[in-house]
N, C-alpha and C. Protein backbone atom coordinates (compact mmCIF):
# COMPACT_ATOMS: atom_id res chain seq x y z
N UNK A 1 27.51 16.39 19.11
CA UNK A 1 27.32 17.61 19.83
C UNK A 1 28.69 18.20 20.12
N UNK A 2 28.83 19.47 19.96
CA UNK A 2 30.10 20.13 20.21
C UNK A 2 30.20 20.49 21.69
N UNK A 3 31.15 19.83 22.37
CA UNK A 3 31.35 20.11 23.78
C UNK A 3 32.80 20.52 23.98
N UNK A 4 32.98 21.34 24.94
CA UNK A 4 34.31 21.82 25.27
C UNK A 4 34.55 21.52 26.74
N UNK A 5 35.67 20.86 27.04
CA UNK A 5 35.97 20.50 28.42
C UNK A 5 37.11 21.36 28.92
N UNK A 6 36.89 21.99 30.04
CA UNK A 6 37.93 22.80 30.66
C UNK A 6 38.09 22.32 32.10
N UNK A 7 39.26 22.53 32.63
CA UNK A 7 39.53 22.11 34.00
C UNK A 7 39.79 23.35 34.85
N UNK A 8 39.04 23.49 35.90
CA UNK A 8 39.24 24.58 36.85
C UNK A 8 39.58 23.94 38.19
N UNK A 9 40.83 23.98 38.53
CA UNK A 9 41.26 23.30 39.75
C UNK A 9 41.12 21.81 39.54
N UNK A 10 40.33 21.15 40.37
CA UNK A 10 40.11 19.72 40.24
C UNK A 10 38.70 19.42 39.74
N UNK A 11 37.96 20.43 39.32
CA UNK A 11 36.59 20.26 38.85
C UNK A 11 36.57 20.33 37.33
N UNK A 12 35.96 19.33 36.72
CA UNK A 12 35.84 19.30 35.27
C UNK A 12 34.54 20.01 34.88
N UNK A 13 34.64 20.98 33.99
CA UNK A 13 33.48 21.76 33.58
C UNK A 13 33.29 21.56 32.08
N UNK A 14 32.09 21.14 31.69
CA UNK A 14 31.78 20.97 30.27
C UNK A 14 30.81 22.06 29.85
N UNK A 15 31.12 22.71 28.75
CA UNK A 15 30.22 23.71 28.21
C UNK A 15 29.75 23.24 26.84
N UNK A 16 28.49 23.35 26.61
CA UNK A 16 27.91 22.94 25.33
C UNK A 16 27.91 24.15 24.41
N UNK A 17 28.22 23.90 23.16
CA UNK A 17 28.23 24.98 22.18
C UNK A 17 26.82 25.57 22.08
N UNK A 18 26.64 26.84 22.39
CA UNK A 18 25.29 27.42 22.39
C UNK A 18 24.72 27.61 20.99
N UNK A 19 25.53 27.44 19.97
CA UNK A 19 25.04 27.64 18.61
C UNK A 19 24.46 26.38 17.99
N UNK A 20 24.49 25.25 18.71
CA UNK A 20 23.91 24.02 18.21
C UNK A 20 22.40 24.14 18.28
N UNK A 21 21.75 24.00 17.13
CA UNK A 21 20.30 24.13 17.08
C UNK A 21 19.66 22.76 17.22
N UNK A 22 18.55 22.73 17.92
CA UNK A 22 17.79 21.49 18.01
C UNK A 22 16.65 21.57 17.02
N UNK A 23 16.38 20.45 16.37
CA UNK A 23 15.31 20.39 15.38
C UNK A 23 13.99 20.06 16.07
N UNK A 24 12.91 20.58 15.51
CA UNK A 24 11.59 20.23 16.02
C UNK A 24 11.36 18.74 15.76
N UNK A 25 10.73 18.04 16.69
CA UNK A 25 10.46 16.61 16.45
C UNK A 25 9.41 16.44 15.36
N UNK A 26 9.57 15.37 14.58
CA UNK A 26 8.59 15.14 13.51
C UNK A 26 7.28 14.62 14.10
N UNK A 27 6.20 14.81 13.36
CA UNK A 27 4.87 14.36 13.79
C UNK A 27 4.33 13.31 12.82
N UNK A 28 5.24 12.51 12.27
CA UNK A 28 4.87 11.54 11.25
C UNK A 28 3.82 10.55 11.71
N UNK A 29 3.96 10.03 12.92
CA UNK A 29 3.00 9.04 13.41
C UNK A 29 1.61 9.65 13.55
N UNK A 30 1.54 10.86 14.08
CA UNK A 30 0.24 11.54 14.22
C UNK A 30 -0.40 11.76 12.86
N UNK A 31 0.40 12.19 11.91
CA UNK A 31 -0.13 12.45 10.56
C UNK A 31 -0.61 11.16 9.91
N UNK A 32 0.15 10.08 10.08
CA UNK A 32 -0.25 8.80 9.50
C UNK A 32 -1.55 8.30 10.13
N UNK A 33 -1.67 8.41 11.44
CA UNK A 33 -2.90 7.97 12.12
C UNK A 33 -4.09 8.80 11.64
N UNK A 34 -3.91 10.11 11.53
CA UNK A 34 -5.01 10.96 11.04
C UNK A 34 -5.39 10.57 9.60
N UNK A 35 -4.40 10.28 8.78
CA UNK A 35 -4.69 9.88 7.40
C UNK A 35 -5.47 8.59 7.34
N UNK A 36 -5.09 7.62 8.16
CA UNK A 36 -5.81 6.33 8.17
C UNK A 36 -7.22 6.51 8.70
N UNK A 37 -7.39 7.30 9.75
CA UNK A 37 -8.74 7.57 10.27
C UNK A 37 -9.56 8.28 9.20
N UNK A 38 -8.92 9.18 8.45
CA UNK A 38 -9.62 9.87 7.37
C UNK A 38 -10.14 8.91 6.31
N UNK A 39 -9.33 7.91 5.97
CA UNK A 39 -9.78 6.91 4.99
C UNK A 39 -10.91 6.07 5.56
N UNK A 40 -10.79 5.70 6.83
CA UNK A 40 -11.75 4.79 7.45
C UNK A 40 -13.11 5.44 7.68
N UNK A 41 -13.13 6.67 8.19
CA UNK A 41 -14.44 7.17 8.58
C UNK A 41 -14.63 8.68 8.61
N UNK A 42 -13.58 9.46 8.69
CA UNK A 42 -13.77 10.87 9.01
C UNK A 42 -12.98 11.76 8.04
N UNK A 43 -13.67 12.41 7.14
CA UNK A 43 -13.02 13.22 6.12
C UNK A 43 -12.18 14.34 6.71
N UNK A 44 -12.64 14.95 7.79
CA UNK A 44 -11.90 16.08 8.37
C UNK A 44 -10.52 15.64 8.82
N UNK A 45 -10.38 14.41 9.30
CA UNK A 45 -9.06 13.90 9.71
C UNK A 45 -8.14 13.78 8.49
N UNK A 46 -8.69 13.41 7.35
CA UNK A 46 -7.90 13.34 6.13
C UNK A 46 -7.41 14.70 5.68
N UNK A 47 -8.25 15.70 5.80
CA UNK A 47 -7.85 17.07 5.44
C UNK A 47 -6.75 17.54 6.38
N UNK A 48 -6.92 17.28 7.68
CA UNK A 48 -5.91 17.69 8.66
C UNK A 48 -4.58 17.00 8.37
N UNK A 49 -4.62 15.70 8.06
CA UNK A 49 -3.39 14.95 7.75
C UNK A 49 -2.71 15.52 6.52
N UNK A 50 -3.47 15.87 5.52
CA UNK A 50 -2.92 16.42 4.28
C UNK A 50 -2.21 17.75 4.56
N UNK A 51 -2.88 18.64 5.29
CA UNK A 51 -2.31 19.96 5.59
C UNK A 51 -1.09 19.84 6.51
N UNK A 52 -1.22 19.05 7.58
CA UNK A 52 -0.09 18.88 8.51
C UNK A 52 1.10 18.24 7.81
N UNK A 53 0.83 17.23 6.98
CA UNK A 53 1.90 16.57 6.25
C UNK A 53 2.62 17.51 5.31
N UNK A 54 1.86 18.32 4.62
CA UNK A 54 2.45 19.29 3.69
C UNK A 54 3.32 20.29 4.44
N UNK A 55 2.82 20.83 5.55
CA UNK A 55 3.58 21.80 6.34
C UNK A 55 4.84 21.17 6.93
N UNK A 56 4.72 19.96 7.46
CA UNK A 56 5.88 19.31 8.06
C UNK A 56 6.95 18.98 7.02
N UNK A 57 6.54 18.55 5.83
CA UNK A 57 7.52 18.27 4.78
C UNK A 57 8.26 19.54 4.37
N UNK A 58 7.55 20.67 4.34
CA UNK A 58 8.22 21.94 4.04
C UNK A 58 9.23 22.29 5.13
N UNK A 59 8.86 22.06 6.39
CA UNK A 59 9.79 22.34 7.50
C UNK A 59 10.99 21.40 7.47
N UNK A 60 10.78 20.16 7.07
CA UNK A 60 11.90 19.22 6.94
C UNK A 60 12.85 19.67 5.83
N UNK A 61 12.29 20.13 4.72
CA UNK A 61 13.12 20.62 3.62
C UNK A 61 13.91 21.87 4.03
N UNK A 62 13.32 22.69 4.89
CA UNK A 62 13.98 23.91 5.34
C UNK A 62 14.99 23.65 6.46
N UNK A 63 15.02 22.42 6.99
CA UNK A 63 15.96 22.10 8.05
C UNK A 63 15.49 22.49 9.43
N UNK A 64 14.20 22.76 9.58
CA UNK A 64 13.64 23.16 10.87
C UNK A 64 13.17 21.94 11.66
N UNK A 65 12.73 20.90 10.95
CA UNK A 65 12.15 19.72 11.59
C UNK A 65 13.02 18.50 11.32
N UNK A 66 12.98 17.57 12.26
CA UNK A 66 13.75 16.33 12.16
C UNK A 66 13.32 15.55 10.91
N UNK A 67 14.23 15.31 9.97
CA UNK A 67 13.85 14.62 8.73
C UNK A 67 13.73 13.11 8.88
N UNK A 68 13.95 12.57 10.05
CA UNK A 68 13.88 11.13 10.25
C UNK A 68 12.48 10.58 9.97
N UNK A 69 11.44 11.37 10.20
CA UNK A 69 10.07 10.92 9.99
C UNK A 69 9.49 11.26 8.64
N UNK A 70 10.35 11.55 7.66
CA UNK A 70 9.88 11.96 6.34
C UNK A 70 8.99 10.90 5.68
N UNK A 71 9.40 9.65 5.74
CA UNK A 71 8.62 8.58 5.11
C UNK A 71 7.24 8.43 5.71
N UNK A 72 7.17 8.43 7.03
CA UNK A 72 5.88 8.30 7.71
C UNK A 72 5.01 9.52 7.42
N UNK A 73 5.64 10.69 7.40
CA UNK A 73 4.90 11.92 7.11
C UNK A 73 4.33 11.89 5.69
N UNK A 74 5.13 11.44 4.73
CA UNK A 74 4.66 11.35 3.35
C UNK A 74 3.51 10.34 3.24
N UNK A 75 3.64 9.22 3.94
CA UNK A 75 2.57 8.21 3.90
C UNK A 75 1.28 8.78 4.48
N UNK A 76 1.38 9.51 5.60
CA UNK A 76 0.19 10.12 6.20
C UNK A 76 -0.44 11.16 5.30
N UNK A 77 0.40 11.95 4.63
CA UNK A 77 -0.11 12.97 3.70
C UNK A 77 -0.84 12.29 2.54
N UNK A 78 -0.26 11.22 2.01
CA UNK A 78 -0.89 10.50 0.91
C UNK A 78 -2.20 9.88 1.36
N UNK A 79 -2.24 9.30 2.57
CA UNK A 79 -3.50 8.76 3.10
C UNK A 79 -4.55 9.85 3.22
N UNK A 80 -4.13 11.03 3.65
CA UNK A 80 -5.07 12.16 3.74
C UNK A 80 -5.60 12.55 2.38
N UNK A 81 -4.73 12.56 1.38
CA UNK A 81 -5.16 12.90 0.02
C UNK A 81 -6.13 11.85 -0.52
N UNK A 82 -5.82 10.58 -0.28
CA UNK A 82 -6.72 9.50 -0.72
C UNK A 82 -8.06 9.62 -0.02
N UNK A 83 -8.03 9.94 1.26
CA UNK A 83 -9.26 10.10 2.04
C UNK A 83 -10.15 11.19 1.44
N UNK A 84 -9.55 12.32 1.14
CA UNK A 84 -10.33 13.43 0.56
C UNK A 84 -10.86 13.03 -0.82
N UNK A 85 -10.03 12.38 -1.61
CA UNK A 85 -10.48 11.94 -2.94
C UNK A 85 -11.64 10.97 -2.86
N UNK A 86 -11.56 10.00 -1.95
CA UNK A 86 -12.66 9.04 -1.80
C UNK A 86 -13.93 9.71 -1.30
N UNK A 87 -13.78 10.66 -0.40
CA UNK A 87 -14.96 11.37 0.10
C UNK A 87 -15.62 12.20 -1.01
N UNK A 88 -14.81 12.81 -1.86
CA UNK A 88 -15.36 13.60 -2.97
C UNK A 88 -16.08 12.68 -3.95
N UNK A 89 -15.48 11.54 -4.26
CA UNK A 89 -16.14 10.57 -5.16
C UNK A 89 -17.44 10.09 -4.55
N UNK A 90 -17.41 9.79 -3.25
CA UNK A 90 -18.64 9.36 -2.57
C UNK A 90 -19.71 10.43 -2.59
N UNK A 91 -19.31 11.68 -2.41
CA UNK A 91 -20.27 12.78 -2.46
C UNK A 91 -20.87 12.94 -3.85
N UNK A 92 -20.04 12.81 -4.88
CA UNK A 92 -20.54 12.91 -6.25
C UNK A 92 -21.51 11.77 -6.58
N UNK A 93 -21.20 10.57 -6.12
CA UNK A 93 -22.11 9.44 -6.33
C UNK A 93 -23.42 9.68 -5.60
N UNK A 94 -23.35 10.19 -4.38
CA UNK A 94 -24.57 10.47 -3.62
C UNK A 94 -25.42 11.52 -4.33
N UNK A 95 -24.78 12.59 -4.81
CA UNK A 95 -25.52 13.65 -5.53
C UNK A 95 -26.16 13.08 -6.79
N UNK A 96 -25.41 12.28 -7.55
CA UNK A 96 -25.96 11.69 -8.77
C UNK A 96 -27.13 10.77 -8.46
N UNK A 97 -27.04 9.99 -7.39
CA UNK A 97 -28.15 9.09 -7.05
C UNK A 97 -29.37 9.88 -6.60
N UNK A 98 -29.18 11.00 -5.91
CA UNK A 98 -30.31 11.83 -5.50
C UNK A 98 -31.00 12.45 -6.72
N UNK A 99 -30.19 12.88 -7.69
CA UNK A 99 -30.75 13.45 -8.92
C UNK A 99 -31.53 12.38 -9.68
N UNK A 100 -30.95 11.19 -9.80
CA UNK A 100 -31.64 10.11 -10.50
C UNK A 100 -32.90 9.69 -9.75
N UNK A 101 -32.85 9.64 -8.44
CA UNK A 101 -34.02 9.29 -7.65
C UNK A 101 -35.11 10.34 -7.82
N UNK A 102 -34.74 11.61 -7.81
CA UNK A 102 -35.72 12.68 -7.99
C UNK A 102 -36.32 12.63 -9.39
N UNK A 103 -35.47 12.34 -10.40
CA UNK A 103 -35.98 12.25 -11.78
C UNK A 103 -36.92 11.07 -11.94
N UNK A 104 -36.62 9.96 -11.29
CA UNK A 104 -37.48 8.79 -11.36
C UNK A 104 -38.81 9.04 -10.64
N UNK A 105 -38.76 9.79 -9.56
CA UNK A 105 -39.96 10.11 -8.79
C UNK A 105 -40.88 11.03 -9.59
N UNK A 106 -40.28 12.00 -10.29
CA UNK A 106 -41.06 12.94 -11.09
C UNK A 106 -41.65 12.23 -12.30
N UNK A 107 -40.91 11.31 -12.88
CA UNK A 107 -41.34 10.61 -14.09
C UNK A 107 -42.45 9.61 -13.86
N UNK A 108 -42.67 9.18 -12.62
CA UNK A 108 -43.68 8.14 -12.40
C UNK A 108 -45.00 8.69 -11.98
């Protein structure tokens, strides 16, 4: 941090450089938890993790957000993507089984 120390009489005065920007804190842990919940039981949490992870990674690349949580954020985004993929596969299997069940019912 850029600090400047000046002495006025016997009092020490420190002024902080006003141009030092603070980065937004990363939300990697939140994104990872949402991604894991998305895999375990709730597709909407996976979608939220995917979107939040994507947005946060863009902000990290732009220098707006603290890049320290990049790994956790990427892991959460990937968990969200896996969650959505598994839910889509599950939905397709369910639709196929309903079609086969209906065809078997009509055929008998």
